[in-house]
Amino acid sequence: MLRMTLALVAALCLTALAMLLIAGHGPWSGRPLIPLSHGHGINVGDLPVFAFWGLGVAACLALGRPR
């Protein structure tokens, strides 16, 4: 049960940090790939954030799985 709780906390932290990184605007964000509205969308700089978030959540799922 402790492993599942820790995995859930880690997944929530990963998700919050990913949202903060994706919401940021800066010169490193790159060109827009998928525009969602004027001045907002998914940029090239968001792709590594998505990749690392997916890897972290997959690790959390592996940790949280009952034995």
C-alpha atoms as a PDB file:
ATOM      1  CA  MET A   1       0.000   0.000   0.000  1.00  0.00           C
ATOM      2  CA  LEU A   2       2.897   2.351   0.766  1.00  0.00           C
ATOM      3  CA  ARG A   3       4.426   1.772  -2.681  1.00  0.00           C
ATOM      4  CA  MET A   4       1.107   2.588  -4.349  1.00  0.00           C
ATOM      5  CA  THR A   5       0.716   5.784  -2.306  1.00  0.00           C
ATOM      6  CA  LEU A   6       4.260   6.909  -3.082  1.00  0.00           C
ATOM      7  CA  ALA A   7       3.759   6.153  -6.776  1.00  0.00           C
ATOM      8  CA  LEU A   8       0.567   8.232  -6.782  1.00  0.00           C
ATOM      9  CA  VAL A   9       2.306  11.164  -5.080  1.00  0.00           C
ATOM     10  CA  ALA A  10       5.202  10.958  -7.535  1.00  0.00           C
ATOM     11  CA  ALA A  11       2.795  10.869 -10.503  1.00  0.00           C
ATOM     12  CA  LEU A  12       0.935  13.929  -9.201  1.00  0.00           C
ATOM     13  CA  CYS A  13       4.214  15.822  -8.720  1.00  0.00           C
ATOM     14  CA  LEU A  14       5.392  14.850 -12.213  1.00  0.00           C
ATOM     15  CA  THR A  15       2.117  16.024 -13.704  1.00  0.00           C
ATOM     16  CA  ALA A  16       2.206  19.356 -11.857  1.00  0.00           C
ATOM     17  CA  LEU A  17       5.785  20.030 -12.935  1.00  0.00           C
ATOM     18  CA  ALA A  18       5.014  19.073 -16.539  1.00  0.00           C
ATOM     19  CA  MET A  19       2.070  21.477 -16.597  1.00  0.00           C
ATOM     20  CA  LEU A  20       4.286  24.282 -15.275  1.00  0.00           C
ATOM     21  CA  LEU A  21       6.914  23.588 -17.943  1.00  0.00           C
ATOM     22  CA  ILE A  22       4.377  23.412 -20.755  1.00  0.00           C
ATOM     23  CA  ALA A  23       2.617  26.612 -19.652  1.00  0.00           C
ATOM     24  CA  GLY A  24       5.884  28.579 -19.725  1.00  0.00           C
ATOM     25  CA  HIS A  25       6.654  30.981 -22.527  1.00  0.00           C
ATOM     26  CA  GLY A  26      10.212  31.679 -23.498  1.00  0.00           C
ATOM     27  CA  PRO A  27      12.635  31.779 -26.389  1.00  0.00           C
ATOM     28  CA  TRP A  28      13.413  28.066 -25.920  1.00  0.00           C
ATOM     29  CA  SER A  29       9.827  26.984 -26.569  1.00  0.00           C
ATOM     30  CA  GLY A  30      10.399  26.787 -30.318  1.00  0.00           C
ATOM     31  CA  ARG A  31       7.918  27.037 -33.117  1.00  0.00           C
ATOM     32  CA  PRO A  32       4.292  25.973 -32.625  1.00  0.00           C
ATOM     33  CA  LEU A  33       3.418  22.489 -33.852  1.00  0.00           C
ATOM     34  CA  ILE A  34      -0.276  22.507 -32.963  1.00  0.00           C
ATOM     35  CA  PRO A  35      -1.794  25.955 -32.446  1.00  0.00           C
ATOM     36  CA  LEU A  36      -4.710  25.893 -29.997  1.00  0.00           C
ATOM     37  CA  SER A  37      -5.516  29.610 -29.967  1.00  0.00           C
ATOM     38  CA  HIS A  38      -3.740  32.869 -30.727  1.00  0.00           C
ATOM     39  CA  GLY A  39      -0.376  32.700 -28.971  1.00  0.00           C
ATOM     40  CA  HIS A  40      -1.032  29.297 -27.384  1.00  0.00           C
ATOM     41  CA  GLY A  41      -0.389  25.762 -28.522  1.00  0.00           C
ATOM     42  CA  ILE A  42       1.975  22.822 -28.369  1.00  0.00           C
ATOM     43  CA  ASN A  43       5.506  23.905 -29.230  1.00  0.00           C
ATOM     44  CA  VAL A  44       8.634  21.974 -30.177  1.00  0.00           C
ATOM     45  CA  GLY A  45      10.017  22.624 -26.679  1.00  0.00           C
ATOM     46  CA  ASP A  46       7.038  20.811 -25.144  1.00  0.00           C
ATOM     47  CA  LEU A  47       7.938  17.468 -26.745  1.00  0.00           C
ATOM     48  CA  PRO A  48      10.723  16.536 -24.284  1.00  0.00           C
ATOM     49  CA  VAL A  49       8.410  17.462 -21.403  1.00  0.00           C
ATOM     50  CA  PHE A  50       5.758  15.072 -22.740  1.00  0.00           C
ATOM     51  CA  ALA A  51       8.361  12.325 -23.227  1.00  0.00           C
ATOM     52  CA  PHE A  52       9.823  12.600 -19.719  1.00  0.00           C
ATOM     53  CA  TRP A  53       6.346  12.895 -18.188  1.00  0.00           C
ATOM     54  CA  GLY A  54       5.296   9.681 -19.958  1.00  0.00           C
ATOM     55  CA  LEU A  55       8.434   7.882 -18.799  1.00  0.00           C
ATOM     56  CA  GLY A  56       7.919   9.042 -15.209  1.00  0.00           C
ATOM     57  CA  VAL A  57       4.260   8.060 -15.135  1.00  0.00           C
ATOM     58  CA  ALA A  58       5.103   4.647 -16.622  1.00  0.00           C
ATOM     59  CA  ALA A  59       7.629   4.141 -13.801  1.00  0.00           C
ATOM     60  CA  CYS A  60       4.999   5.190 -11.254  1.00  0.00           C
ATOM     61  CA  LEU A  61       2.545   2.686 -12.703  1.00  0.00           C
ATOM     62  CA  ALA A  62       5.178  -0.058 -12.447  1.00  0.00           C
ATOM     63  CA  LEU A  63       5.893   0.886  -8.827  1.00  0.00           C
ATOM     64  CA  GLY A  64       2.239   1.169  -7.865  1.00  0.00           C
ATOM     65  CA  ARG A  65       1.238  -2.189  -9.282  1.00  0.00           C
ATOM     66  CA  PRO A  66       0.448  -4.709  -6.534  1.00  0.00           C
ATOM     67  CA  ARG A  67       2.898  -7.576  -6.272  1.00  0.00           C
END
